[in-house]
Amino acid sequence: MSMLRRMTEGDLPQLARLFRQTFNAPPWNDRWRDDAHAQRYLAGLFANPQSRCWVLQEGRALCGALLGHRRDWWSGDEFFIDECFVCPDHQGNGLGRLLVDGAQDELAQEGVTLFSLLTIRQLPAAAFYRHLGFQAQPDCHLFWRRRGEE
């Protein structure tokens, strides 16, 4: 049975391994170089003074996480989900819902009224979030520019 709890700094090494296993595999096919690289990224999210982070634990092993941060937004207190994942061998068992709903329940006590995130619309994550009641913003675009490609 999986248990949702707040993330601690001591979770970072194990979480970095799971993060790489999840996002370097299909359908994401990211290219995280090594655990140290992923751990620096996750540590940066965790260190944000506005961060709120949870892990899913099964026995002594972690099997998923949700990392995000609070924002004081014009329309009310918002929580932006930076990363949310369940390792591939645990997906499809309601653990993603447990992460999102558990975080939402806890953050409601802090006055958070809106959850937001970014994901790629063609990947299964988009359908997952729609299934949980998230709505896509059709008139939004993500813009980016890599230095030297102006």
N, C-alpha and C. Protein backbone atom coordinates (compact mmCIF):
# COMPACT_ATOMS: atom_id res chain seq x y z
N MET A 1 0.84 -1.18 0.00
CA MET A 1 0.00 0.00 0.00
C MET A 1 0.89 1.25 0.00
N SER A 2 0.58 2.18 -0.86
CA SER A 2 1.36 3.41 -0.99
C SER A 2 0.87 4.46 -0.01
N MET A 3 1.81 5.21 0.52
CA MET A 3 1.51 6.26 1.49
C MET A 3 2.02 7.59 0.94
N LEU A 4 1.20 8.61 1.01
CA LEU A 4 1.58 9.96 0.61
C LEU A 4 2.12 10.69 1.82
N ARG A 5 3.29 11.32 1.66
CA ARG A 5 3.87 12.11 2.74
C ARG A 5 4.64 13.28 2.15
N ARG A 6 4.95 14.25 3.00
CA ARG A 6 5.77 15.38 2.57
C ARG A 6 7.18 14.90 2.26
N MET A 7 7.75 15.46 1.24
CA MET A 7 9.10 15.14 0.82
C MET A 7 10.11 15.74 1.80
N THR A 8 11.23 15.05 1.99
CA THR A 8 12.34 15.57 2.78
C THR A 8 13.58 15.65 1.90
N GLU A 9 14.56 16.40 2.35
CA GLU A 9 15.81 16.51 1.59
C GLU A 9 16.47 15.15 1.42
N GLY A 10 16.31 14.26 2.40
CA GLY A 10 16.88 12.93 2.33
C GLY A 10 16.29 12.06 1.23
N ASP A 11 15.13 12.46 0.69
CA ASP A 11 14.51 11.71 -0.40
C ASP A 11 15.16 11.98 -1.76
N LEU A 12 15.95 13.04 -1.85
CA LEU A 12 16.45 13.49 -3.16
C LEU A 12 17.24 12.42 -3.92
N PRO A 13 18.19 11.69 -3.31
CA PRO A 13 18.94 10.71 -4.11
C PRO A 13 18.04 9.64 -4.75
N GLN A 14 17.14 9.06 -3.97
CA GLN A 14 16.25 8.02 -4.50
C GLN A 14 15.28 8.62 -5.52
N LEU A 15 14.80 9.82 -5.23
CA LEU A 15 13.86 10.47 -6.12
C LEU A 15 14.51 10.80 -7.47
N ALA A 16 15.77 11.21 -7.45
CA ALA A 16 16.48 11.51 -8.70
C ALA A 16 16.56 10.27 -9.59
N ARG A 17 16.83 9.12 -9.01
CA ARG A 17 16.86 7.88 -9.79
C ARG A 17 15.51 7.59 -10.43
N LEU A 18 14.45 7.70 -9.63
CA LEU A 18 13.10 7.45 -10.15
C LEU A 18 12.72 8.46 -11.24
N PHE A 19 13.08 9.71 -11.02
CA PHE A 19 12.79 10.76 -11.98
C PHE A 19 13.44 10.44 -13.33
N ARG A 20 14.71 10.06 -13.31
CA ARG A 20 15.41 9.69 -14.55
C ARG A 20 14.78 8.47 -15.20
N GLN A 21 14.47 7.45 -14.40
CA GLN A 21 13.85 6.25 -14.95
C GLN A 21 12.53 6.58 -15.63
N THR A 22 11.77 7.47 -15.04
CA THR A 22 10.47 7.83 -15.58
C THR A 22 10.59 8.68 -16.83
N PHE A 23 11.38 9.76 -16.77
CA PHE A 23 11.39 10.72 -17.86
C PHE A 23 12.40 10.42 -18.96
N ASN A 24 13.35 9.54 -18.74
CA ASN A 24 14.24 9.13 -19.83
C ASN A 24 13.61 8.02 -20.67
N ALA A 25 12.48 7.48 -20.20
CA ALA A 25 11.78 6.40 -20.91
C ALA A 25 10.64 6.99 -21.75
N PRO A 26 10.14 6.20 -22.71
CA PRO A 26 8.97 6.65 -23.47
C PRO A 26 7.78 6.87 -22.53
N PRO A 27 6.90 7.79 -22.81
CA PRO A 27 6.85 8.59 -24.02
C PRO A 27 7.66 9.88 -23.95
N TRP A 28 8.29 10.17 -22.81
CA TRP A 28 9.00 11.44 -22.64
C TRP A 28 10.33 11.47 -23.40
N ASN A 29 11.13 10.43 -23.22
CA ASN A 29 12.42 10.33 -23.90
C ASN A 29 13.35 11.51 -23.61
N ASP A 30 13.33 11.98 -22.36
CA ASP A 30 14.27 13.04 -21.96
C ASP A 30 15.69 12.47 -21.95
N ARG A 31 16.64 13.32 -21.72
CA ARG A 31 18.05 12.89 -21.71
C ARG A 31 18.77 13.39 -20.47
N TRP A 32 18.22 13.05 -19.29
CA TRP A 32 18.91 13.41 -18.05
C TRP A 32 20.20 12.60 -18.00
N ARG A 33 21.34 13.30 -17.89
CA ARG A 33 22.66 12.67 -18.01
C ARG A 33 22.92 11.62 -16.94
N ASP A 34 22.64 11.97 -15.70
CA ASP A 34 22.93 11.06 -14.59
C ASP A 34 22.10 11.48 -13.39
N ASP A 35 22.16 10.67 -12.34
CA ASP A 35 21.36 10.96 -11.15
C ASP A 35 21.74 12.30 -10.52
N ALA A 36 23.03 12.65 -10.56
CA ALA A 36 23.47 13.91 -9.95
C ALA A 36 22.82 15.11 -10.66
N HIS A 37 22.72 15.03 -11.97
CA HIS A 37 22.09 16.10 -12.76
C HIS A 37 20.61 16.23 -12.36
N ALA A 38 19.89 15.12 -12.32
CA ALA A 38 18.48 15.13 -11.93
C ALA A 38 18.32 15.60 -10.49
N GLN A 39 19.24 15.20 -9.62
CA GLN A 39 19.14 15.59 -8.22
C GLN A 39 19.33 17.10 -8.05
N ARG A 40 20.24 17.71 -8.81
CA ARG A 40 20.41 19.16 -8.73
C ARG A 40 19.12 19.88 -9.16
N TYR A 41 18.50 19.37 -10.22
CA TYR A 41 17.24 19.97 -10.68
C TYR A 41 16.16 19.87 -9.61
N LEU A 42 15.96 18.67 -9.09
CA LEU A 42 14.92 18.47 -8.07
C LEU A 42 15.23 19.24 -6.78
N ALA A 43 16.50 19.31 -6.42
CA ALA A 43 16.90 20.06 -5.22
C ALA A 43 16.57 21.54 -5.38
N GLY A 44 16.72 22.06 -6.59
CA GLY A 44 16.37 23.45 -6.84
C GLY A 44 14.89 23.70 -6.66
N LEU A 45 14.06 22.78 -7.13
CA LEU A 45 12.61 22.92 -6.92
C LEU A 45 12.27 22.84 -5.44
N PHE A 46 12.89 21.88 -4.76
CA PHE A 46 12.62 21.66 -3.33
C PHE A 46 13.06 22.85 -2.48
N ALA A 47 14.14 23.53 -2.89
CA ALA A 47 14.70 24.63 -2.11
C ALA A 47 13.90 25.93 -2.22
N ASN A 48 13.02 26.04 -3.18
CA ASN A 48 12.22 27.24 -3.34
C ASN A 48 11.43 27.48 -2.05
N PRO A 49 11.51 28.67 -1.47
CA PRO A 49 10.77 28.92 -0.22
C PRO A 49 9.27 28.71 -0.34
N GLN A 50 8.74 28.79 -1.54
CA GLN A 50 7.31 28.58 -1.75
C GLN A 50 6.97 27.14 -2.17
N SER A 51 7.98 26.26 -2.18
CA SER A 51 7.73 24.89 -2.64
C SER A 51 6.89 24.11 -1.65
N ARG A 52 6.13 23.20 -2.19
CA ARG A 52 5.39 22.20 -1.44
C ARG A 52 5.60 20.91 -2.22
N CYS A 53 6.14 19.90 -1.58
CA CYS A 53 6.53 18.68 -2.29
C CYS A 53 6.10 17.44 -1.51
N TRP A 54 5.62 16.45 -2.25
CA TRP A 54 5.15 15.19 -1.66
C TRP A 54 5.80 14.02 -2.38
N VAL A 55 5.90 12.91 -1.68
CA VAL A 55 6.36 11.66 -2.29
C VAL A 55 5.36 10.56 -1.96
N LEU A 56 5.33 9.57 -2.83
CA LEU A 56 4.59 8.34 -2.59
C LEU A 56 5.60 7.29 -2.15
N GLN A 57 5.32 6.66 -1.06
CA GLN A 57 6.23 5.66 -0.52
C GLN A 57 5.50 4.32 -0.41
N GLU A 58 6.17 3.27 -0.88
CA GLU A 58 5.65 1.92 -0.76
C GLU A 58 6.70 1.11 -0.02
N GLY A 59 6.43 0.77 1.23
CA GLY A 59 7.46 0.18 2.08
C GLY A 59 8.54 1.22 2.31
N ARG A 60 9.78 0.87 2.03
CA ARG A 60 10.88 1.84 2.16
C ARG A 60 11.20 2.55 0.85
N ALA A 61 10.58 2.10 -0.23
CA ALA A 61 10.90 2.64 -1.55
C ALA A 61 9.91 3.73 -1.96
N LEU A 62 10.43 4.72 -2.66
CA LEU A 62 9.59 5.75 -3.24
C LEU A 62 9.10 5.28 -4.60
N CYS A 63 7.89 5.69 -4.97
CA CYS A 63 7.37 5.29 -6.28
C CYS A 63 6.74 6.46 -7.04
N GLY A 64 6.83 7.66 -6.50
CA GLY A 64 6.31 8.82 -7.21
C GLY A 64 6.48 10.09 -6.40
N ALA A 65 6.21 11.21 -7.04
CA ALA A 65 6.36 12.50 -6.35
C ALA A 65 5.58 13.59 -7.07
N LEU A 66 5.28 14.62 -6.33
CA LEU A 66 4.70 15.85 -6.86
C LEU A 66 5.46 17.00 -6.23
N LEU A 67 6.07 17.84 -7.06
CA LEU A 67 6.82 19.00 -6.60
C LEU A 67 6.23 20.24 -7.26
N GLY A 68 5.97 21.25 -6.48
CA GLY A 68 5.43 22.48 -7.03
C GLY A 68 5.65 23.64 -6.08
N HIS A 69 5.07 24.77 -6.44
CA HIS A 69 5.24 25.97 -5.59
C HIS A 69 3.98 26.82 -5.62
N ARG A 70 3.77 27.49 -4.49
CA ARG A 70 2.65 28.43 -4.33
C ARG A 70 2.99 29.74 -5.01
N ARG A 71 1.95 30.35 -5.55
CA ARG A 71 2.10 31.69 -6.14
C ARG A 71 0.93 32.54 -5.68
N ASP A 72 1.22 33.75 -5.27
CA ASP A 72 0.16 34.71 -4.97
C ASP A 72 -0.22 35.34 -6.31
N TRP A 73 -1.35 34.92 -6.84
CA TRP A 73 -1.76 35.32 -8.17
C TRP A 73 -2.93 36.28 -8.09
N TRP A 74 -3.16 37.03 -9.11
CA TRP A 74 -4.22 38.03 -9.10
C TRP A 74 -5.59 37.42 -8.86
N SER A 75 -5.79 36.17 -9.26
CA SER A 75 -7.10 35.55 -9.12
C SER A 75 -7.23 34.70 -7.86
N GLY A 76 -6.20 34.71 -7.02
CA GLY A 76 -6.22 33.92 -5.79
C GLY A 76 -4.94 33.12 -5.64
N ASP A 77 -4.80 32.45 -4.53
CA ASP A 77 -3.60 31.66 -4.29
C ASP A 77 -3.58 30.46 -5.23
N GLU A 78 -2.47 30.30 -5.92
CA GLU A 78 -2.31 29.28 -6.95
C GLU A 78 -1.17 28.35 -6.58
N PHE A 79 -1.28 27.10 -7.00
CA PHE A 79 -0.19 26.13 -6.85
C PHE A 79 0.18 25.66 -8.24
N PHE A 80 1.44 25.88 -8.61
CA PHE A 80 1.94 25.45 -9.91
C PHE A 80 2.68 24.13 -9.73
N ILE A 81 2.24 23.10 -10.42
CA ILE A 81 2.90 21.79 -10.36
C ILE A 81 4.08 21.80 -11.31
N ASP A 82 5.28 21.77 -10.72
CA ASP A 82 6.50 21.74 -11.54
C ASP A 82 6.76 20.34 -12.08
N GLU A 83 6.60 19.34 -11.24
CA GLU A 83 6.82 17.94 -11.64
C GLU A 83 5.83 17.06 -10.90
N CYS A 84 5.28 16.11 -11.60
CA CYS A 84 4.40 15.11 -10.99
C CYS A 84 4.63 13.82 -11.76
N PHE A 85 5.01 12.77 -11.06
CA PHE A 85 5.26 11.51 -11.76
C PHE A 85 5.09 10.32 -10.83
N VAL A 86 4.74 9.22 -11.45
CA VAL A 86 4.70 7.91 -10.82
C VAL A 86 5.58 7.03 -11.68
N CYS A 87 6.50 6.28 -11.04
CA CYS A 87 7.41 5.45 -11.85
C CYS A 87 6.60 4.45 -12.68
N PRO A 88 7.11 4.13 -13.86
CA PRO A 88 6.33 3.36 -14.83
C PRO A 88 5.73 2.05 -14.30
N ASP A 89 6.44 1.32 -13.46
CA ASP A 89 5.90 0.04 -12.99
C ASP A 89 4.79 0.20 -11.95
N HIS A 90 4.49 1.44 -11.55
CA HIS A 90 3.39 1.69 -10.60
C HIS A 90 2.24 2.48 -11.23
N GLN A 91 2.37 2.83 -12.50
CA GLN A 91 1.35 3.64 -13.16
C GLN A 91 0.09 2.81 -13.41
N GLY A 92 -1.04 3.52 -13.50
CA GLY A 92 -2.30 2.88 -13.80
C GLY A 92 -3.01 2.28 -12.60
N ASN A 93 -2.55 2.63 -11.40
CA ASN A 93 -3.15 2.09 -10.17
C ASN A 93 -3.75 3.16 -9.28
N GLY A 94 -3.98 4.36 -9.82
CA GLY A 94 -4.60 5.43 -9.03
C GLY A 94 -3.61 6.24 -8.20
N LEU A 95 -2.30 5.98 -8.36
CA LEU A 95 -1.34 6.70 -7.53
C LEU A 95 -1.17 8.16 -7.96
N GLY A 96 -1.28 8.43 -9.26
CA GLY A 96 -1.22 9.82 -9.72
C GLY A 96 -2.36 10.63 -9.13
N ARG A 97 -3.55 10.05 -9.12
CA ARG A 97 -4.70 10.72 -8.50
C ARG A 97 -4.45 10.94 -7.01
N LEU A 98 -3.87 9.95 -6.34
CA LEU A 98 -3.55 10.08 -4.91
C LEU A 98 -2.61 11.26 -4.69
N LEU A 99 -1.60 11.41 -5.53
CA LEU A 99 -0.66 12.54 -5.42
C LEU A 99 -1.38 13.87 -5.58
N VAL A 100 -2.12 14.01 -6.67
CA VAL A 100 -2.76 15.29 -6.97
C VAL A 100 -3.85 15.62 -5.95
N ASP A 101 -4.71 14.65 -5.66
CA ASP A 101 -5.80 14.91 -4.71
C ASP A 101 -5.26 15.16 -3.30
N GLY A 102 -4.23 14.42 -2.90
CA GLY A 102 -3.65 14.63 -1.58
C GLY A 102 -3.03 16.00 -1.44
N ALA A 103 -2.30 16.43 -2.47
CA ALA A 103 -1.71 17.77 -2.45
C ALA A 103 -2.81 18.83 -2.43
N GLN A 104 -3.83 18.64 -3.25
CA GLN A 104 -4.92 19.61 -3.32
C GLN A 104 -5.63 19.72 -1.97
N ASP A 105 -5.90 18.60 -1.33
CA ASP A 105 -6.56 18.63 -0.02
C ASP A 105 -5.73 19.38 1.01
N GLU A 106 -4.43 19.11 1.02
CA GLU A 106 -3.56 19.78 2.00
C GLU A 106 -3.44 21.27 1.70
N LEU A 107 -3.31 21.62 0.44
CA LEU A 107 -3.14 23.02 0.07
C LEU A 107 -4.42 23.84 0.24
N ALA A 108 -5.56 23.18 0.19
CA ALA A 108 -6.82 23.89 0.44
C ALA A 108 -6.81 24.51 1.83
N GLN A 109 -6.15 23.85 2.77
CA GLN A 109 -6.05 24.37 4.14
C GLN A 109 -5.19 25.63 4.20
N GLU A 110 -4.35 25.84 3.17
CA GLU A 110 -3.53 27.05 3.08
C GLU A 110 -4.21 28.13 2.24
N GLY A 111 -5.41 27.86 1.76
CA GLY A 111 -6.13 28.85 0.97
C GLY A 111 -5.89 28.77 -0.53
N VAL A 112 -5.21 27.74 -1.00
CA VAL A 112 -4.96 27.60 -2.43
C VAL A 112 -6.25 27.20 -3.12
N THR A 113 -6.61 27.93 -4.18
CA THR A 113 -7.86 27.67 -4.88
C THR A 113 -7.66 27.23 -6.33
N LEU A 114 -6.45 27.34 -6.86
CA LEU A 114 -6.20 27.00 -8.26
C LEU A 114 -4.93 26.19 -8.38
N PHE A 115 -4.98 25.13 -9.18
CA PHE A 115 -3.81 24.33 -9.53
C PHE A 115 -3.53 24.52 -11.00
N SER A 116 -2.27 24.68 -11.37
CA SER A 116 -1.92 24.82 -12.78
C SER A 116 -0.64 24.04 -13.06
N LEU A 117 -0.41 23.77 -14.35
CA LEU A 117 0.77 23.02 -14.78
C LEU A 117 0.92 23.14 -16.28
N LEU A 118 2.06 22.68 -16.77
CA LEU A 118 2.31 22.57 -18.20
C LEU A 118 2.58 21.12 -18.53
N THR A 119 2.05 20.64 -19.65
CA THR A 119 2.40 19.32 -20.16
C THR A 119 2.22 19.33 -21.67
N ILE A 120 2.70 18.31 -22.31
CA ILE A 120 2.61 18.20 -23.77
C ILE A 120 1.27 17.57 -24.13
N ARG A 121 0.50 18.27 -24.93
CA ARG A 121 -0.88 17.84 -25.17
C ARG A 121 -1.01 16.49 -25.86
N GLN A 122 0.00 16.05 -26.62
CA GLN A 122 -0.11 14.77 -27.32
C GLN A 122 0.29 13.56 -26.47
N LEU A 123 0.79 13.79 -25.27
CA LEU A 123 1.25 12.68 -24.43
C LEU A 123 0.16 12.26 -23.45
N PRO A 124 0.25 11.04 -22.92
CA PRO A 124 -0.78 10.53 -22.01
C PRO A 124 -1.02 11.41 -20.78
N ALA A 125 -0.04 12.18 -20.36
CA ALA A 125 -0.22 13.03 -19.18
C ALA A 125 -1.36 14.02 -19.37
N ALA A 126 -1.54 14.53 -20.58
CA ALA A 126 -2.61 15.49 -20.83
C ALA A 126 -3.97 14.85 -20.56
N ALA A 127 -4.17 13.63 -21.04
CA ALA A 127 -5.44 12.92 -20.79
C ALA A 127 -5.62 12.64 -19.31
N PHE A 128 -4.52 12.31 -18.63
CA PHE A 128 -4.57 12.07 -17.18
C PHE A 128 -5.08 13.30 -16.45
N TYR A 129 -4.52 14.48 -16.75
CA TYR A 129 -4.95 15.69 -16.05
C TYR A 129 -6.38 16.08 -16.43
N ARG A 130 -6.77 15.88 -17.69
CA ARG A 130 -8.16 16.15 -18.06
C ARG A 130 -9.10 15.23 -17.27
N HIS A 131 -8.71 13.98 -17.11
CA HIS A 131 -9.50 13.01 -16.34
C HIS A 131 -9.69 13.47 -14.89
N LEU A 132 -8.69 14.17 -14.35
CA LEU A 132 -8.76 14.67 -12.98
C LEU A 132 -9.52 16.00 -12.88
N GLY A 133 -10.00 16.52 -14.00
CA GLY A 133 -10.78 17.75 -13.98
C GLY A 133 -10.03 19.01 -14.36
N PHE A 134 -8.76 18.89 -14.74
CA PHE A 134 -8.01 20.05 -15.21
C PHE A 134 -8.54 20.44 -16.59
N GLN A 135 -8.49 21.73 -16.89
CA GLN A 135 -8.94 22.23 -18.18
C GLN A 135 -7.76 22.80 -18.94
N ALA A 136 -7.71 22.52 -20.23
CA ALA A 136 -6.65 23.07 -21.08
C ALA A 136 -6.99 24.51 -21.44
N GLN A 137 -6.00 25.32 -21.54
CA GLN A 137 -6.17 26.72 -21.92
C GLN A 137 -5.84 26.82 -23.41
N PRO A 138 -6.84 26.83 -24.28
CA PRO A 138 -6.58 26.74 -25.72
C PRO A 138 -5.86 27.95 -26.31
N ASP A 139 -5.96 29.10 -25.69
CA ASP A 139 -5.33 30.29 -26.27
C ASP A 139 -3.97 30.60 -25.68
N CYS A 140 -3.37 29.66 -24.94
CA CYS A 140 -2.03 29.85 -24.39
C CYS A 140 -0.99 29.13 -25.24
N HIS A 141 0.17 29.72 -25.33
CA HIS A 141 1.30 29.10 -26.02
C HIS A 141 2.51 29.20 -25.12
N LEU A 142 3.33 28.20 -25.14
CA LEU A 142 4.61 28.23 -24.45
C LEU A 142 5.65 28.72 -25.44
N PHE A 143 6.32 29.80 -25.12
CA PHE A 143 7.36 30.33 -25.97
C PHE A 143 8.71 30.10 -25.31
N TRP A 144 9.71 29.82 -26.10
CA TRP A 144 11.07 29.67 -25.59
C TRP A 144 12.04 30.05 -26.69
N ARG A 145 13.25 30.38 -26.28
CA ARG A 145 14.31 30.71 -27.23
C ARG A 145 15.63 30.26 -26.62
N ARG A 146 16.40 29.53 -27.39
CA ARG A 146 17.72 29.09 -26.94
C ARG A 146 18.75 30.14 -27.35
N ARG A 147 19.62 30.46 -26.42
CA ARG A 147 20.66 31.46 -26.67
C ARG A 147 21.47 31.07 -27.91
N GLY A 148 21.70 32.04 -28.76
CA GLY A 148 22.45 31.80 -29.99
C GLY A 148 21.58 31.44 -31.16
N GLU A 149 20.27 31.28 -30.94
CA GLU A 149 19.37 30.92 -32.03
C GLU A 149 18.41 32.07 -32.33
N GLU A 150 18.77 33.30 -31.95
CA GLU A 150 17.88 34.45 -32.16
C GLU A 150 17.78 34.78 -33.63
